[in-house]
């Protein structure tokens, strides 16, 4: 299939399929991260200000509340959180 050969309607249909697939993959990633998270766990994530390090203080189905080292609270999607490795 060549994208240049598709009609506008076919492109819209393809776009809808792609968006649904992206949503599904994000949901699966969120579920995988949620299974790893625990209250009090050290995590990090990227923010516009740069890398943020903090501790999980609340876990919801669609968001995680993290308090950062500078005592700011961040409500972010689980898929953006990365668990800190213990050393």
PDB file of N, CA and C in Angstrom:
ATOM      1  N   UNK A   1       0.837  -1.166   0.000  1.00  0.00           N
ATOM      2  CA  UNK A   1       0.000   0.000   0.000  1.00  0.00           C
ATOM      3  C   UNK A   1       0.893   1.245   0.000  1.00  0.00           C
ATOM      4  N   UNK A   2       0.614   2.117  -0.926  1.00  0.00           N
ATOM      5  CA  UNK A   2       1.320   3.394  -0.996  1.00  0.00           C
ATOM      6  C   UNK A   2       0.394   4.483  -0.481  1.00  0.00           C
ATOM      7  N   UNK A   3       0.879   5.258   0.459  1.00  0.00           N
ATOM      8  CA  UNK A   3       0.047   6.289   1.074  1.00  0.00           C
ATOM      9  C   UNK A   3      -0.375   7.346   0.050  1.00  0.00           C
ATOM     10  N   UNK A   4       0.456   7.532  -0.960  1.00  0.00           N
ATOM     11  CA  UNK A   4       0.146   8.517  -2.000  1.00  0.00           C
ATOM     12  C   UNK A   4      -1.057   8.113  -2.837  1.00  0.00           C
ATOM     13  N   UNK A   5      -1.379   6.829  -2.847  1.00  0.00           N
ATOM     14  CA  UNK A   5      -2.491   6.321  -3.659  1.00  0.00           C
ATOM     15  C   UNK A   5      -3.818   6.317  -2.915  1.00  0.00           C
ATOM     16  N   UNK A   6      -3.830   6.644  -1.633  1.00  0.00           N
ATOM     17  CA  UNK A   6      -5.053   6.590  -0.837  1.00  0.00           C
ATOM     18  C   UNK A   6      -5.902   7.846  -1.036  1.00  0.00           C
ATOM     19  N   UNK A   7      -7.203   7.641  -0.978  1.00  0.00           N
ATOM     20  CA  UNK A   7      -8.135   8.768  -1.058  1.00  0.00           C
ATOM     21  C   UNK A   7      -8.213   9.450   0.307  1.00  0.00           C
ATOM     22  N   UNK A   8      -8.869  10.570   0.337  1.00  0.00           N
ATOM     23  CA  UNK A   8      -9.033  11.301   1.599  1.00  0.00           C
ATOM     24  C   UNK A   8      -9.803  10.457   2.617  1.00  0.00           C
ATOM     25  N   UNK A   9     -10.865   9.794   2.193  1.00  0.00           N
ATOM     26  CA  UNK A   9     -11.635   8.929   3.101  1.00  0.00           C
ATOM     27  C   UNK A   9     -10.788   7.774   3.620  1.00  0.00           C
ATOM     28  N   UNK A  10      -9.993   7.183   2.746  1.00  0.00           N
ATOM     29  CA  UNK A  10      -9.120   6.078   3.176  1.00  0.00           C
ATOM     30  C   UNK A  10      -8.064   6.571   4.160  1.00  0.00           C
ATOM     31  N   UNK A  11      -7.553   7.776   3.950  1.00  0.00           N
ATOM     32  CA  UNK A  11      -6.574   8.346   4.874  1.00  0.00           C
ATOM     33  C   UNK A  11      -7.198   8.613   6.243  1.00  0.00           C
ATOM     34  N   UNK A  12      -8.434   9.110   6.262  1.00  0.00           N
ATOM     35  CA  UNK A  12      -9.128   9.337   7.527  1.00  0.00           C
ATOM     36  C   UNK A  12      -9.348   8.020   8.269  1.00  0.00           C
ATOM     37  N   UNK A  13      -9.739   6.979   7.538  1.00  0.00           N
ATOM     38  CA  UNK A  13      -9.929   5.660   8.150  1.00  0.00           C
ATOM     39  C   UNK A  13      -8.615   5.131   8.722  1.00  0.00           C
ATOM     40  N   UNK A  14      -7.547   5.288   7.958  1.00  0.00           N
ATOM     41  CA  UNK A  14      -6.239   4.842   8.412  1.00  0.00           C
ATOM     42  C   UNK A  14      -5.798   5.627   9.644  1.00  0.00           C
ATOM     43  N   UNK A  15      -6.035   6.925   9.635  1.00  0.00           N
ATOM     44  CA  UNK A  15      -5.699   7.764  10.793  1.00  0.00           C
ATOM     45  C   UNK A  15      -6.445   7.298  12.037  1.00  0.00           C
ATOM     46  N   UNK A  16      -7.714   6.969  11.891  1.00  0.00           N
ATOM     47  CA  UNK A  16      -8.500   6.494  13.030  1.00  0.00           C
ATOM     48  C   UNK A  16      -7.932   5.193  13.583  1.00  0.00           C
ATOM     49  N   UNK A  17      -7.542   4.285  12.697  1.00  0.00           N
ATOM     50  CA  UNK A  17      -6.943   3.016  13.137  1.00  0.00           C
ATOM     51  C   UNK A  17      -5.629   3.252  13.867  1.00  0.00           C
ATOM     52  N   UNK A  18      -4.822   4.149  13.349  1.00  0.00           N
ATOM     53  CA  UNK A  18      -3.531   4.445  13.969  1.00  0.00           C
ATOM     54  C   UNK A  18      -3.736   5.056  15.346  1.00  0.00           C
ATOM     55  N   UNK A  19      -4.661   6.001  15.465  1.00  0.00           N
ATOM     56  CA  UNK A  19      -4.938   6.646  16.760  1.00  0.00           C
ATOM     57  C   UNK A  19      -5.437   5.635  17.788  1.00  0.00           C
ATOM     58  N   UNK A  20      -6.308   4.727  17.365  1.00  0.00           N
ATOM     59  CA  UNK A  20      -6.795   3.694  18.276  1.00  0.00           C
ATOM     60  C   UNK A  20      -5.659   2.787  18.734  1.00  0.00           C
ATOM     61  N   UNK A  21      -4.749   2.454  17.836  1.00  0.00           N
ATOM     62  CA  UNK A  21      -3.612   1.599  18.180  1.00  0.00           C
ATOM     63  C   UNK A  21      -2.679   2.303  19.164  1.00  0.00           C
ATOM     64  N   UNK A  22      -2.438   3.588  18.937  1.00  0.00           N
ATOM     65  CA  UNK A  22      -1.595   4.370  19.849  1.00  0.00           C
ATOM     66  C   UNK A  22      -2.231   4.419  21.234  1.00  0.00           C
ATOM     67  N   UNK A  23      -3.533   4.673  21.306  1.00  0.00           N
ATOM     68  CA  UNK A  23      -4.233   4.704  22.593  1.00  0.00           C
ATOM     69  C   UNK A  23      -4.122   3.369  23.311  1.00  0.00           C
ATOM     70  N   UNK A  24      -4.284   2.273  22.561  1.00  0.00           N
ATOM     71  CA  UNK A  24      -4.187   0.941  23.143  1.00  0.00           C
ATOM     72  C   UNK A  24      -2.788   0.689  23.711  1.00  0.00           C
ATOM     73  N   UNK A  25      -1.756   1.030  22.940  1.00  0.00           N
ATOM     74  CA  UNK A  25      -0.389   0.800  23.397  1.00  0.00           C
ATOM     75  C   UNK A  25      -0.046   1.659  24.618  1.00  0.00           C
ATOM     76  N   UNK A  26      -0.543   2.884  24.659  1.00  0.00           N
ATOM     77  CA  UNK A  26      -0.324   3.741  25.826  1.00  0.00           C
ATOM     78  C   UNK A  26      -1.009   3.163  27.053  1.00  0.00           C
ATOM     79  N   UNK A  27      -2.227   2.650  26.879  1.00  0.00           N
ATOM     80  CA  UNK A  27      -2.950   2.035  27.987  1.00  0.00           C
ATOM     81  C   UNK A  27      -2.200   0.816  28.514  1.00  0.00           C
ATOM     82  N   UNK A  28      -1.694  -0.011  27.622  1.00  0.00           N
ATOM     83  CA  UNK A  28      -0.933  -1.185  28.044  1.00  0.00           C
ATOM     84  C   UNK A  28       0.320  -0.776  28.806  1.00  0.00           C
ATOM     85  N   UNK A  29       0.997   0.264  28.332  1.00  0.00           N
ATOM     86  CA  UNK A  29       2.186   0.756  29.020  1.00  0.00           C
ATOM     87  C   UNK A  29       1.817   1.278  30.406  1.00  0.00           C
ATOM     88  N   UNK A  30       0.710   2.028  30.503  1.00  0.00           N
ATOM     89  CA  UNK A  30       0.264   2.531  31.803  1.00  0.00           C
ATOM     90  C   UNK A  30      -0.022   1.387  32.770  1.00  0.00           C
ATOM     91  N   UNK A  31      -0.693   0.354  32.285  1.00  0.00           N
ATOM     92  CA  UNK A  31      -1.013  -0.806  33.131  1.00  0.00           C
ATOM     93  C   UNK A  31       0.261  -1.486  33.606  1.00  0.00           C
ATOM     94  N   UNK A  32       1.233  -1.646  32.710  1.00  0.00           N
ATOM     95  CA  UNK A  32       2.506  -2.281  33.088  1.00  0.00           C
ATOM     96  C   UNK A  32       3.231  -1.473  34.159  1.00  0.00           C
ATOM     97  N   UNK A  33       3.257  -0.150  34.005  1.00  0.00           N
ATOM     98  CA  UNK A  33       3.923   0.698  34.991  1.00  0.00           C
ATOM     99  C   UNK A  33       3.187   0.640  36.325  1.00  0.00           C
ATOM    100  N   UNK A  34       1.848   0.676  36.292  1.00  0.00           N
ATOM    101  CA  UNK A  34       1.067   0.643  37.531  1.00  0.00           C
ATOM    102  C   UNK A  34       1.337  -0.614  38.344  1.00  0.00           C
ATOM    103  N   UNK A  35       1.600  -1.738  37.683  1.00  0.00           N
ATOM    104  CA  UNK A  35       1.887  -2.971  38.416  1.00  0.00           C
ATOM    105  C   UNK A  35       3.215  -2.904  39.153  1.00  0.00           C
ATOM    106  N   UNK A  36       4.115  -2.013  38.701  1.00  0.00           N
ATOM    107  CA  UNK A  36       5.431  -1.891  39.328  1.00  0.00           C
ATOM    108  C   UNK A  36       5.478  -0.844  40.440  1.00  0.00           C
ATOM    109  N   UNK A  37       4.531   0.081  40.428  1.00  0.00           N
ATOM    110  CA  UNK A  37       4.581   1.201  41.366  1.00  0.00           C
ATOM    111  C   UNK A  37       4.049   0.844  42.749  1.00  0.00           C
ATOM    112  N   UNK A  38       4.686   1.440  43.761  1.00  0.00           N
ATOM    113  CA  UNK A  38       4.264   1.295  45.156  1.00  0.00           C
ATOM    114  C   UNK A  38       4.363   2.668  45.816  1.00  0.00           C
ATOM    115  N   UNK A  39       3.532   2.907  46.820  1.00  0.00           N
ATOM    116  CA  UNK A  39       3.617   4.152  47.570  1.00  0.00           C
ATOM    117  C   UNK A  39       4.990   4.258  48.227  1.00  0.00           C
ATOM    118  N   UNK A  40       5.557   5.450  48.189  1.00  0.00           N
ATOM    119  CA  UNK A  40       6.867   5.672  48.781  1.00  0.00           C
ATOM    120  C   UNK A  40       8.030   5.327  47.876  1.00  0.00           C
ATOM    121  N   UNK A  41       7.736   4.817  46.704  1.00  0.00           N
ATOM    122  CA  UNK A  41       8.788   4.401  45.783  1.00  0.00           C
ATOM    123  C   UNK A  41       9.418   5.612  45.100  1.00  0.00           C
ATOM    124  N   UNK A  42      10.736   5.564  44.931  1.00  0.00           N
ATOM    125  CA  UNK A  42      11.447   6.637  44.251  1.00  0.00           C
ATOM    126  C   UNK A  42      11.306   6.463  42.740  1.00  0.00           C
ATOM    127  N   UNK A  43      10.961   7.568  42.075  1.00  0.00           N
ATOM    128  CA  UNK A  43      10.740   7.545  40.629  1.00  0.00           C
ATOM    129  C   UNK A  43      11.363   8.790  40.002  1.00  0.00           C
ATOM    130  N   UNK A  44      11.386   8.795  38.686  1.00  0.00           N
ATOM    131  CA  UNK A  44      11.798   9.984  37.949  1.00  0.00           C
ATOM    132  C   UNK A  44      10.996  10.059  36.667  1.00  0.00           C
ATOM    133  N   UNK A  45      10.931  11.251  36.087  1.00  0.00           N
ATOM    134  CA  UNK A  45      10.227  11.476  34.828  1.00  0.00           C
ATOM    135  C   UNK A  45      10.735  12.776  34.217  1.00  0.00           C
ATOM    136  N   UNK A  46      10.444  12.958  32.950  1.00  0.00           N
ATOM    137  CA  UNK A  46      10.848  14.173  32.255  1.00  0.00           C
ATOM    138  C   UNK A  46       9.730  15.191  32.304  1.00  0.00           C
ATOM    139  N   UNK A  47      10.089  16.422  32.620  1.00  0.00           N
ATOM    140  CA  UNK A  47       9.160  17.552  32.637  1.00  0.00           C
ATOM    141  C   UNK A  47       9.761  18.650  31.759  1.00  0.00           C
ATOM    142  N   UNK A  48       8.980  19.669  31.431  1.00  0.00           N
ATOM    143  CA  UNK A  48       9.540  20.767  30.637  1.00  0.00           C
ATOM    144  C   UNK A  48      10.788  21.392  31.281  1.00  0.00           C
ATOM    145  N   UNK A  49      10.854  21.347  32.617  1.00  0.00           N
ATOM    146  CA  UNK A  49      12.006  21.903  33.334  1.00  0.00           C
ATOM    147  C   UNK A  49      13.213  20.973  33.310  1.00  0.00           C
ATOM    148  N   UNK A  50      13.027  19.763  32.857  1.00  0.00           N
ATOM    149  CA  UNK A  50      14.101  18.767  32.846  1.00  0.00           C
ATOM    150  C   UNK A  50      13.692  17.532  33.632  1.00  0.00           C
ATOM    151  N   UNK A  51      14.668  16.724  33.988  1.00  0.00           N
ATOM    152  CA  UNK A  51      14.419  15.485  34.727  1.00  0.00           C
ATOM    153  C   UNK A  51      13.987  15.808  36.157  1.00  0.00           C
ATOM    154  N   UNK A  52      12.904  15.156  36.596  1.00  0.00           N
ATOM    155  CA  UNK A  52      12.373  15.364  37.945  1.00  0.00           C
ATOM    156  C   UNK A  52      12.495  14.053  38.719  1.00  0.00           C
ATOM    157  N   UNK A  53      13.004  14.147  39.938  1.00  0.00           N
ATOM    158  CA  UNK A  53      13.130  12.994  40.826  1.00  0.00           C
ATOM    159  C   UNK A  53      12.185  13.193  41.998  1.00  0.00           C
ATOM    160  N   UNK A  54      11.506  12.123  42.408  1.00  0.00           N
ATOM    161  CA  UNK A  54      10.577  12.252  43.518  1.00  0.00           C
ATOM    162  C   UNK A  54      10.124  10.924  44.068  1.00  0.00           C
ATOM    163  N   UNK A  55       9.053  10.987  44.872  1.00  0.00           N
ATOM    164  CA  UNK A  55       8.503   9.816  45.553  1.00  0.00           C
ATOM    165  C   UNK A  55       7.011   9.735  45.256  1.00  0.00           C
ATOM    166  N   UNK A  56       6.523   8.529  44.985  1.00  0.00           N
ATOM    167  CA  UNK A  56       5.103   8.305  44.719  1.00  0.00           C
ATOM    168  C   UNK A  56       4.321   8.449  46.022  1.00  0.00           C
ATOM    169  N   UNK A  57       3.284   9.321  45.999  1.00  0.00           N
ATOM    170  CA  UNK A  57       2.467   9.486  47.198  1.00  0.00           C
ATOM    171  C   UNK A  57       1.021   9.047  46.975  1.00  0.00           C
ATOM    172  N   UNK A  58       0.614   8.871  45.720  1.00  0.00           N
ATOM    173  CA  UNK A  58      -0.735   8.393  45.437  1.00  0.00           C
ATOM    174  C   UNK A  58      -0.733   7.749  44.052  1.00  0.00           C
ATOM    175  N   UNK A  59      -1.482   6.647  43.927  1.00  0.00           N
ATOM    176  CA  UNK A  59      -1.580   5.930  42.665  1.00  0.00           C
ATOM    177  C   UNK A  59      -3.053   5.801  42.286  1.00  0.00           C
ATOM    178  N   UNK A  60      -3.408   6.316  41.124  1.00  0.00           N
ATOM    179  CA  UNK A  60      -4.756   6.180  40.577  1.00  0.00           C
ATOM    180  C   UNK A  60      -4.681   5.381  39.281  1.00  0.00           C
ATOM    181  N   UNK A  61      -5.840   5.062  38.711  1.00  0.00           N
ATOM    182  CA  UNK A  61      -5.859   4.313  37.456  1.00  0.00           C
ATOM    183  C   UNK A  61      -5.253   5.103  36.304  1.00  0.00           C
ATOM    184  N   UNK A  62      -5.489   6.418  36.296  1.00  0.00           N
ATOM    185  CA  UNK A  62      -5.054   7.225  35.161  1.00  0.00           C
ATOM    186  C   UNK A  62      -3.955   8.226  35.500  1.00  0.00           C
ATOM    187  N   UNK A  63      -3.563   8.290  36.754  1.00  0.00           N
ATOM    188  CA  UNK A  63      -2.526   9.254  37.124  1.00  0.00           C
ATOM    189  C   UNK A  63      -1.765   8.790  38.360  1.00  0.00           C
ATOM    190  N   UNK A  64      -0.578   9.355  38.501  1.00  0.00           N
ATOM    191  CA  UNK A  64       0.271   9.081  39.655  1.00  0.00           C
ATOM    192  C   UNK A  64       0.644  10.436  40.242  1.00  0.00           C
ATOM    193  N   UNK A  65       0.539  10.557  41.549  1.00  0.00           N
ATOM    194  CA  UNK A  65       0.914  11.793  42.226  1.00  0.00           C
ATOM    195  C   UNK A  65       2.302  11.601  42.819  1.00  0.00           C
ATOM    196  N   UNK A  66       3.213  12.472  42.405  1.00  0.00           N
ATOM    197  CA  UNK A  66       4.605  12.385  42.835  1.00  0.00           C
ATOM    198  C   UNK A  66       4.983  13.700  43.504  1.00  0.00           C
ATOM    199  N   UNK A  67       5.657  13.613  44.637  1.00  0.00           N
ATOM    200  CA  UNK A  67       6.213  14.804  45.266  1.00  0.00           C
ATOM    201  C   UNK A  67       7.706  14.807  44.944  1.00  0.00           C
ATOM    202  N   UNK A  68       8.143  15.907  44.335  1.00  0.00           N
ATOM    203  CA  UNK A  68       9.532  15.993  43.891  1.00  0.00           C
ATOM    204  C   UNK A  68      10.447  16.429  45.018  1.00  0.00           C
ATOM    205  N   UNK A  69      11.744  16.411  44.738  1.00  0.00           N
ATOM    206  CA  UNK A  69      12.742  16.759  45.745  1.00  0.00           C
ATOM    207  C   UNK A  69      12.578  18.188  46.246  1.00  0.00           C
ATOM    208  N   UNK A  70      11.990  19.064  45.399  1.00  0.00           N
ATOM    209  CA  UNK A  70      11.774  20.458  45.808  1.00  0.00           C
ATOM    210  C   UNK A  70      10.369  20.664  46.389  1.00  0.00           C
ATOM    211  N   UNK A  71       9.714  19.557  46.793  1.00  0.00           N
ATOM    212  CA  UNK A  71       8.392  19.545  47.441  1.00  0.00           C
ATOM    213  C   UNK A  71       7.246  20.002  46.552  1.00  0.00           C
ATOM    214  N   UNK A  72       7.429  19.950  45.239  1.00  0.00           N
ATOM    215  CA  UNK A  72       6.325  20.216  44.315  1.00  0.00           C
ATOM    216  C   UNK A  72       5.582  18.909  44.077  1.00  0.00           C
ATOM    217  N   UNK A  73       4.264  19.004  43.883  1.00  0.00           N
ATOM    218  CA  UNK A  73       3.475  17.813  43.575  1.00  0.00           C
ATOM    219  C   UNK A  73       3.181  17.782  42.078  1.00  0.00           C
ATOM    220  N   UNK A  74       3.343  16.611  41.501  1.00  0.00           N
ATOM    221  CA  UNK A  74       3.140  16.410  40.078  1.00  0.00           C
ATOM    222  C   UNK A  74       2.103  15.313  39.880  1.00  0.00           C
ATOM    223  N   UNK A  75       1.069  15.597  39.117  1.00  0.00           N
ATOM    224  CA  UNK A  75       0.062  14.596  38.755  1.00  0.00           C
ATOM    225  C   UNK A  75       0.307  14.252  37.293  1.00  0.00           C
ATOM    226  N   UNK A  76       0.803  13.045  37.053  1.00  0.00           N
ATOM    227  CA  UNK A  76       1.223  12.669  35.705  1.00  0.00           C
ATOM    228  C   UNK A  76       0.683  11.298  35.318  1.00  0.00           C
ATOM    229  N   UNK A  77       0.591  11.026  34.015  1.00  0.00           N
ATOM    230  CA  UNK A  77       0.168   9.701  33.557  1.00  0.00           C
ATOM    231  C   UNK A  77       1.198   8.646  33.964  1.00  0.00           C
ATOM    232  N   UNK A  78       0.751   7.458  34.327  1.00  0.00           N
ATOM    233  CA  UNK A  78       1.679   6.406  34.773  1.00  0.00           C
ATOM    234  C   UNK A  78       2.744   6.062  33.737  1.00  0.00           C
ATOM    235  N   UNK A  79       2.398   6.157  32.468  1.00  0.00           N
ATOM    236  CA  UNK A  79       3.351   5.781  31.421  1.00  0.00           C
ATOM    237  C   UNK A  79       4.577   6.670  31.350  1.00  0.00           C
ATOM    238  N   UNK A  80       4.531   7.846  31.976  1.00  0.00           N
ATOM    239  CA  UNK A  80       5.676   8.752  31.944  1.00  0.00           C
ATOM    240  C   UNK A  80       6.630   8.520  33.121  1.00  0.00           C
ATOM    241  N   UNK A  81       6.186   7.770  34.112  1.00  0.00           N
ATOM    242  CA  UNK A  81       6.984   7.548  35.322  1.00  0.00           C
ATOM    243  C   UNK A  81       7.961   6.400  35.097  1.00  0.00           C
ATOM    244  N   UNK A  82       9.186   6.585  35.582  1.00  0.00           N
ATOM    245  CA  UNK A  82      10.194   5.530  35.536  1.00  0.00           C
ATOM    246  C   UNK A  82      10.639   5.252  36.967  1.00  0.00           C
ATOM    247  N   UNK A  83      10.647   3.984  37.338  1.00  0.00           N
ATOM    248  CA  UNK A  83      11.045   3.577  38.682  1.00  0.00           C
ATOM    249  C   UNK A  83      12.563   3.680  38.797  1.00  0.00           C
ATOM    250  N   UNK A  84      13.026   4.246  39.923  1.00  0.00           N
ATOM    251  CA  UNK A  84      14.464   4.352  40.173  1.00  0.00           C
ATOM    252  C   UNK A  84      14.991   2.975  40.542  1.00  0.00           C
ATOM    253  N   UNK A  85      16.142   2.646  40.009  1.00  0.00           N
ATOM    254  CA  UNK A  85      16.771   1.375  40.331  1.00  0.00           C
ATOM    255  C   UNK A  85      17.511   1.494  41.658  1.00  0.00           C
ATOM    256  N   UNK A  86      17.333   0.478  42.494  1.00  0.00           N
ATOM    257  CA  UNK A  86      18.030   0.449  43.790  1.00  0.00           C
ATOM    258  C   UNK A  86      19.492   0.087  43.574  1.00  0.00           C
ATOM    259  N   UNK A  87      20.391   0.754  44.330  1.00  0.00           N
ATOM    260  CA  UNK A  87      21.821   0.432  44.244  1.00  0.00           C
ATOM    261  C   UNK A  87      22.347  -0.033  45.579  1.00  0.00           C
TER     262      UNK A  87
END
